Amino acid sequence: MLAERISEIQSALAEAGADGWFFACFQKNDPIGLDLLGLNDDSKLVTRRCYYLIPRQGEPRKLVHGLEPAMLDHLPGPKAVYTTWAKHREEFTRLVSGFPKLMAQYSPNNELPSVSRLDAGTADLLRAAGVTLLSSADLAQRFAATWSAEQLETHRRANVHLHRIALEAFAKVSEALRVGAPIDEYAVQRFILNAFDQAGLWTESDPIIGVNANSADPHYQPGPDRSEPIRKGDFLLVDLWAKEKTAGSIYADITWVGVCAAAPTDKQQEVYDVVAGARDAAWELVRGRYPHQPVRGFEVDDAARGVIEKAGYGQYFIHRTGHSIGTSDHGQGANMDNLETHDTRLLLPMTGFSIEPGIYLTGDFGVRSEINVALTPEAPEITGAEPQRELLRLLA
């Protein structure tokens, strides 16, 4: 709970040279703020603007709308109430007065989109009140992306289930091919979702099952009206993510690939070997440095991307190497990214992330190999099971 971490946040603000941490919530504008302030429950509408300011010293402050006066009553600190736009402007200025440097969910030049949630109009109001904005990126990661020991266990358990279910899905395809029964992407997706339910898992979106050219689309998803048959000789990618249904559980997210044949083609094997090598290079960087040396998100991306570029496939690796993992599949911590963004955030203890390089040959096939890494205070670990070491062969 945020209320129990106020003093810890205040110490972090002092270390960062900031006068406070400013939160501005309206509807679903800021997942970080909604999560930390306890407003991410769907029963809380947050239909009016509300604000919370944690100062470096002293009590936090609140500003809420008269139609939702109890919105922040679960948090410490006195509150002011507004209803009219004029009163809003007056109380807003009073709220931030005396705090020349405030952290907020803001990223200069929108460098980190997952952090850059403060709208331009509110930024205008802050600057008009004499406030210099600082990015909360590092602070948010520290307080919104770290896991408890219990949460780490939920992640580990979910990952064990995911590896089992993924292999069962490939086995289902293998059996259908062996006996000549029809099977398609959508059927495999439904099989996985049913297995999630039986294992007590839940997912915010359906898994990716891509055959041949569809496996070269990183965000492809089949559906009842959009599904390709899976036949002998095809290339198959399965990407699945889920978490336990208990509140606060942490996601797991893995990708495996296989061929609907006794052996892959030379091209399929070559591309798989490069992707697996890139995955392992990223992992070796983390394992070789954490926790004794700092590791930043962009460096992990560089390690994987360097392998793929050296092999001549750089233009076909079209996304970041990995993402933060939390109570949402894409969490609030550092991403392994030096492509879409230049993520300079440090990898922190008790956080987790994916490593998932890929090569996507449009119109042909795509390979992605994904593992999850959890950082305990003592060491990094690959959770769930060993990484995929060779392409699955679904026919003898």
Foldseek 3Di string as FASTA:
>chain_A
DLQVCLLVLLVVCVVVVFFKAKEKDAAPLAPLRCVNLVNPPPVRRRHDIKMWIRGSDDWIEIEEEPVPVCRRVVHDDDYDYDHDPVVVLVVVLVNCPPGQEYEYLCDVVCQPVNSHRDDPVVVVSCVVSNHDYDYCQQVSCVPFFFADPVQVVQAQVQLQLVVVLVVVLLQVVLVCQVVVHKDKQANSQVSSVVSCVVVQKDAPDTKAKAKWQRQLPVPDHADPVRIDIDYAFIKIKTKDKITHPDPFHWMFIWMAIAHNAQDHDPVVQVQQVLQVQLLVQLVCVQQVPPPPHWDWLQVSQCRSLVSCVVVPQNVQFQAGQKAWITSHRHTSHGHNDDDSHRTGHTDDARTKMKGWTKGRDRPGHIDIGIWMWHHHNVGIDTHNDDTDDGHHHSYD
